[in-house]
Amino acid sequence: MKNYTVILACIIVLSIASAKKQTKEERSKFKEVHEQCQNDERTCVDEMLIRNWFGGIFIEDDKLKNHMLCMAKGLNFINENGKLNEHFIKSKWIEHYDGKEVKNLQECLKEKSTYVETSWDFFKCQHNAINSVQQ
């Protein structure tokens, strides 16, 4: 599990290459939430799916989608009612991205028919809008 955490941490660093540096607290929170999601059999997913996801390969997998919902809730991007926490999300975007990127990200604030689809589309849209992964 530690090897996967190190690999995931490296991927995260690459995925935010175009963003301002995450704080130590943000990195710690991300790791904590990821581990919580991985320790729950309902949201545990093969780390390869996550690596692929950060690489822009969005495999339609129910467990991966549930993992992303778990992450969204744990990171406060989605509240317990399944609604995007727009104020919080926008504040994070402003901290980490420039004006053009924040403008591009606005299209990602769309509710879908289910919580799972909302979180999945949100993260996927955010990834695509800022072209965050350097390959």
C-alpha atoms as a PDB file:
ATOM      1  CA  MET A   1       0.000   0.000   0.000  1.00  0.00           C
ATOM      2  CA  LYS A   2       2.883   2.379   0.770  1.00  0.00           C
ATOM      3  CA  ASN A   3       4.295   1.909  -2.740  1.00  0.00           C
ATOM      4  CA  TYR A   4       0.950   2.844  -4.234  1.00  0.00           C
ATOM      5  CA  THR A   5       0.730   5.906  -2.004  1.00  0.00           C
ATOM      6  CA  VAL A   6       4.180   7.060  -3.146  1.00  0.00           C
ATOM      7  CA  ILE A   7       3.245   6.472  -6.784  1.00  0.00           C
ATOM      8  CA  LEU A   8      -0.049   8.296  -6.301  1.00  0.00           C
ATOM      9  CA  ALA A   9       1.756  11.202  -4.641  1.00  0.00           C
ATOM     10  CA  CYS A  10       4.095  11.451  -7.648  1.00  0.00           C
ATOM     11  CA  ILE A  11       1.152  11.440 -10.017  1.00  0.00           C
ATOM     12  CA  ILE A  12      -0.553  14.156  -8.002  1.00  0.00           C
ATOM     13  CA  VAL A  13       2.556  16.307  -8.206  1.00  0.00           C
ATOM     14  CA  LEU A  14       2.585  15.917 -11.979  1.00  0.00           C
ATOM     15  CA  SER A  15      -1.138  16.582 -12.225  1.00  0.00           C
ATOM     16  CA  ILE A  16      -0.795  19.987 -10.608  1.00  0.00           C
ATOM     17  CA  ALA A  17       2.198  21.072 -12.670  1.00  0.00           C
ATOM     18  CA  SER A  18       0.271  23.991 -14.148  1.00  0.00           C
ATOM     19  CA  ALA A  19      -1.138  24.981 -10.772  1.00  0.00           C
ATOM     20  CA  LYS A  20       0.387  26.808  -7.864  1.00  0.00           C
ATOM     21  CA  LYS A  21       1.948  24.472  -5.366  1.00  0.00           C
ATOM     22  CA  GLN A  22      -0.443  22.683  -3.047  1.00  0.00           C
ATOM     23  CA  THR A  23       0.050  23.361   0.609  1.00  0.00           C
ATOM     24  CA  LYS A  24       1.371  20.709   2.946  1.00  0.00           C
ATOM     25  CA  GLU A  25      -2.084  20.582   4.538  1.00  0.00           C
ATOM     26  CA  GLU A  26      -3.774  20.033   1.165  1.00  0.00           C
ATOM     27  CA  ARG A  27      -1.403  17.205   0.271  1.00  0.00           C
ATOM     28  CA  SER A  28      -1.918  15.646   3.686  1.00  0.00           C
ATOM     29  CA  LYS A  29      -5.717  15.920   3.388  1.00  0.00           C
ATOM     30  CA  PHE A  30      -5.674  14.380  -0.094  1.00  0.00           C
ATOM     31  CA  LYS A  31      -3.577  11.459   1.117  1.00  0.00           C
ATOM     32  CA  GLU A  32      -5.802  10.981   4.171  1.00  0.00           C
ATOM     33  CA  VAL A  33      -9.003  10.976   2.113  1.00  0.00           C
ATOM     34  CA  HIS A  34      -7.514   8.659  -0.505  1.00  0.00           C
ATOM     35  CA  GLU A  35      -6.499   6.175   2.172  1.00  0.00           C
ATOM     36  CA  GLN A  36      -9.958   6.335   3.761  1.00  0.00           C
ATOM     37  CA  CYS A  37     -11.579   5.660   0.392  1.00  0.00           C
ATOM     38  CA  GLN A  38      -9.172   2.805  -0.309  1.00  0.00           C
ATOM     39  CA  ASN A  39      -9.885   1.251   3.100  1.00  0.00           C
ATOM     40  CA  ASP A  40     -13.615   1.052   2.352  1.00  0.00           C
ATOM     41  CA  GLU A  41     -14.529  -2.003   0.265  1.00  0.00           C
ATOM     42  CA  ARG A  42     -17.292   0.004  -1.463  1.00  0.00           C
ATOM     43  CA  THR A  43     -14.820   2.588  -2.774  1.00  0.00           C
ATOM     44  CA  CYS A  44     -11.537   0.673  -2.919  1.00  0.00           C
ATOM     45  CA  VAL A  45     -10.212   0.554  -6.449  1.00  0.00           C
ATOM     46  CA  ASP A  46      -7.138  -0.794  -8.219  1.00  0.00           C
ATOM     47  CA  GLU A  47      -4.419   1.870  -8.050  1.00  0.00           C
ATOM     48  CA  MET A  48      -3.742   1.330 -11.775  1.00  0.00           C
ATOM     49  CA  LEU A  49      -7.188   2.763 -12.546  1.00  0.00           C
ATOM     50  CA  ILE A  50      -6.302   5.839 -10.536  1.00  0.00           C
ATOM     51  CA  ARG A  51      -2.937   6.245 -12.257  1.00  0.00           C
ATOM     52  CA  ASN A  52      -4.682   5.921 -15.620  1.00  0.00           C
ATOM     53  CA  TRP A  53      -7.234   8.503 -14.531  1.00  0.00           C
ATOM     54  CA  PHE A  54      -4.534  11.023 -13.617  1.00  0.00           C
ATOM     55  CA  GLY A  55      -2.981  10.275 -16.992  1.00  0.00           C
ATOM     56  CA  GLY A  56      -6.187  11.281 -18.765  1.00  0.00           C
ATOM     57  CA  ILE A  57      -7.467   7.752 -19.367  1.00  0.00           C
ATOM     58  CA  PHE A  58     -11.002   7.811 -17.973  1.00  0.00           C
ATOM     59  CA  ILE A  59     -12.068   4.191 -17.773  1.00  0.00           C
ATOM     60  CA  GLU A  60     -15.794   3.841 -17.142  1.00  0.00           C
ATOM     61  CA  ASP A  61     -15.610   1.708 -14.014  1.00  0.00           C
ATOM     62  CA  ASP A  62     -18.280   1.777 -11.298  1.00  0.00           C
ATOM     63  CA  LYS A  63     -15.787   1.241  -8.474  1.00  0.00           C
ATOM     64  CA  LEU A  64     -13.580   4.043  -9.787  1.00  0.00           C
ATOM     65  CA  LYS A  65     -16.587   6.340 -10.010  1.00  0.00           C
ATOM     66  CA  ASN A  66     -17.529   5.482  -6.424  1.00  0.00           C
ATOM     67  CA  HIS A  67     -13.945   6.152  -5.379  1.00  0.00           C
ATOM     68  CA  MET A  68     -14.072   9.575  -7.036  1.00  0.00           C
ATOM     69  CA  LEU A  69     -17.333  10.347  -5.205  1.00  0.00           C
ATOM     70  CA  CYS A  70     -15.673   9.332  -1.945  1.00  0.00           C
ATOM     71  CA  MET A  71     -12.764  11.645  -2.742  1.00  0.00           C
ATOM     72  CA  ALA A  72     -15.087  14.511  -3.698  1.00  0.00           C
ATOM     73  CA  LYS A  73     -16.984  14.209  -0.427  1.00  0.00           C
ATOM     74  CA  GLY A  74     -13.839  13.824   1.651  1.00  0.00           C
ATOM     75  CA  LEU A  75     -12.221  16.854   0.021  1.00  0.00           C
ATOM     76  CA  ASN A  76     -15.413  18.895   0.507  1.00  0.00           C
ATOM     77  CA  PHE A  77     -16.044  19.330  -3.234  1.00  0.00           C
ATOM     78  CA  ILE A  78     -19.433  17.665  -2.856  1.00  0.00           C
ATOM     79  CA  ASN A  79     -21.603  17.903   0.231  1.00  0.00           C
ATOM     80  CA  GLU A  80     -23.495  15.034   1.859  1.00  0.00           C
ATOM     81  CA  ASN A  81     -26.556  15.916  -0.248  1.00  0.00           C
ATOM     82  CA  GLY A  82     -24.562  15.305  -3.426  1.00  0.00           C
ATOM     83  CA  LYS A  83     -24.394  18.958  -4.452  1.00  0.00           C
ATOM     84  CA  LEU A  84     -21.212  20.615  -5.622  1.00  0.00           C
ATOM     85  CA  ASN A  85     -19.806  22.944  -2.968  1.00  0.00           C
ATOM     86  CA  GLU A  86     -19.331  25.749  -5.491  1.00  0.00           C
ATOM     87  CA  HIS A  87     -18.101  28.410  -3.068  1.00  0.00           C
ATOM     88  CA  PHE A  88     -15.386  26.122  -1.692  1.00  0.00           C
ATOM     89  CA  ILE A  89     -14.408  24.839  -5.147  1.00  0.00           C
ATOM     90  CA  LYS A  90     -14.099  28.344  -6.581  1.00  0.00           C
ATOM     91  CA  SER A  91     -12.000  29.476  -3.625  1.00  0.00           C
ATOM     92  CA  LYS A  92      -9.593  26.573  -4.244  1.00  0.00           C
ATOM     93  CA  TRP A  93      -9.420  27.318  -7.948  1.00  0.00           C
ATOM     94  CA  ILE A  94      -8.593  30.963  -7.249  1.00  0.00           C
ATOM     95  CA  GLU A  95      -5.804  29.873  -4.904  1.00  0.00           C
ATOM     96  CA  HIS A  96      -4.239  27.509  -7.433  1.00  0.00           C
ATOM     97  CA  TYR A  97      -4.959  28.703 -10.957  1.00  0.00           C
ATOM     98  CA  ASP A  98      -4.707  31.856 -13.010  1.00  0.00           C
ATOM     99  CA  GLY A  99      -7.730  33.795 -14.267  1.00  0.00           C
ATOM    100  CA  LYS A 100      -7.925  32.074 -17.655  1.00  0.00           C
ATOM    101  CA  GLU A 101      -7.828  28.625 -16.064  1.00  0.00           C
ATOM    102  CA  VAL A 102     -10.458  29.601 -13.477  1.00  0.00           C
ATOM    103  CA  LYS A 103     -12.678  30.806 -16.309  1.00  0.00           C
ATOM    104  CA  ASN A 104     -12.219  27.494 -18.154  1.00  0.00           C
ATOM    105  CA  LEU A 105     -13.058  25.575 -14.989  1.00  0.00           C
ATOM    106  CA  GLN A 106     -16.450  27.273 -14.566  1.00  0.00           C
ATOM    107  CA  GLU A 107     -18.006  24.817 -17.019  1.00  0.00           C
ATOM    108  CA  CYS A 108     -17.220  22.014 -14.565  1.00  0.00           C
ATOM    109  CA  LEU A 109     -19.776  23.216 -12.020  1.00  0.00           C
ATOM    110  CA  LYS A 110     -22.666  21.196 -13.415  1.00  0.00           C
ATOM    111  CA  GLU A 111     -24.894  18.902 -11.415  1.00  0.00           C
ATOM    112  CA  LYS A 112     -25.703  15.560 -13.013  1.00  0.00           C
ATOM    113  CA  SER A 113     -28.549  13.126 -12.347  1.00  0.00           C
ATOM    114  CA  THR A 114     -26.643  11.208  -9.627  1.00  0.00           C
ATOM    115  CA  TYR A 115     -23.998  12.052  -7.039  1.00  0.00           C
ATOM    116  CA  VAL A 116     -21.640   9.587  -8.668  1.00  0.00           C
ATOM    117  CA  GLU A 117     -22.030  11.139 -12.107  1.00  0.00           C
ATOM    118  CA  THR A 118     -21.695  14.659 -10.675  1.00  0.00           C
ATOM    119  CA  SER A 119     -18.363  13.843  -9.023  1.00  0.00           C
ATOM    120  CA  TRP A 120     -17.112  11.833 -12.012  1.00  0.00           C
ATOM    121  CA  ASP A 121     -17.932  14.551 -14.518  1.00  0.00           C
ATOM    122  CA  PHE A 122     -16.612  17.275 -12.208  1.00  0.00           C
ATOM    123  CA  PHE A 123     -13.170  15.688 -11.815  1.00  0.00           C
ATOM    124  CA  LYS A 124     -12.994  14.675 -15.460  1.00  0.00           C
ATOM    125  CA  CYS A 125     -13.992  18.169 -16.615  1.00  0.00           C
ATOM    126  CA  GLN A 126     -11.533  19.785 -14.220  1.00  0.00           C
ATOM    127  CA  HIS A 127      -8.729  17.565 -15.525  1.00  0.00           C
ATOM    128  CA  ASN A 128      -9.565  18.401 -19.130  1.00  0.00           C
ATOM    129  CA  ALA A 129     -10.167  22.124 -18.546  1.00  0.00           C
ATOM    130  CA  ILE A 130      -6.719  22.797 -17.140  1.00  0.00           C
ATOM    131  CA  ASN A 131      -4.848  20.140 -19.105  1.00  0.00           C
ATOM    132  CA  SER A 132      -3.080  19.404 -15.866  1.00  0.00           C
ATOM    133  CA  VAL A 133      -1.069  16.293 -16.530  1.00  0.00           C
ATOM    134  CA  GLN A 134       2.303  16.767 -18.179  1.00  0.00           C
ATOM    135  CA  GLN A 135       3.326  13.671 -20.133  1.00  0.00           C
END
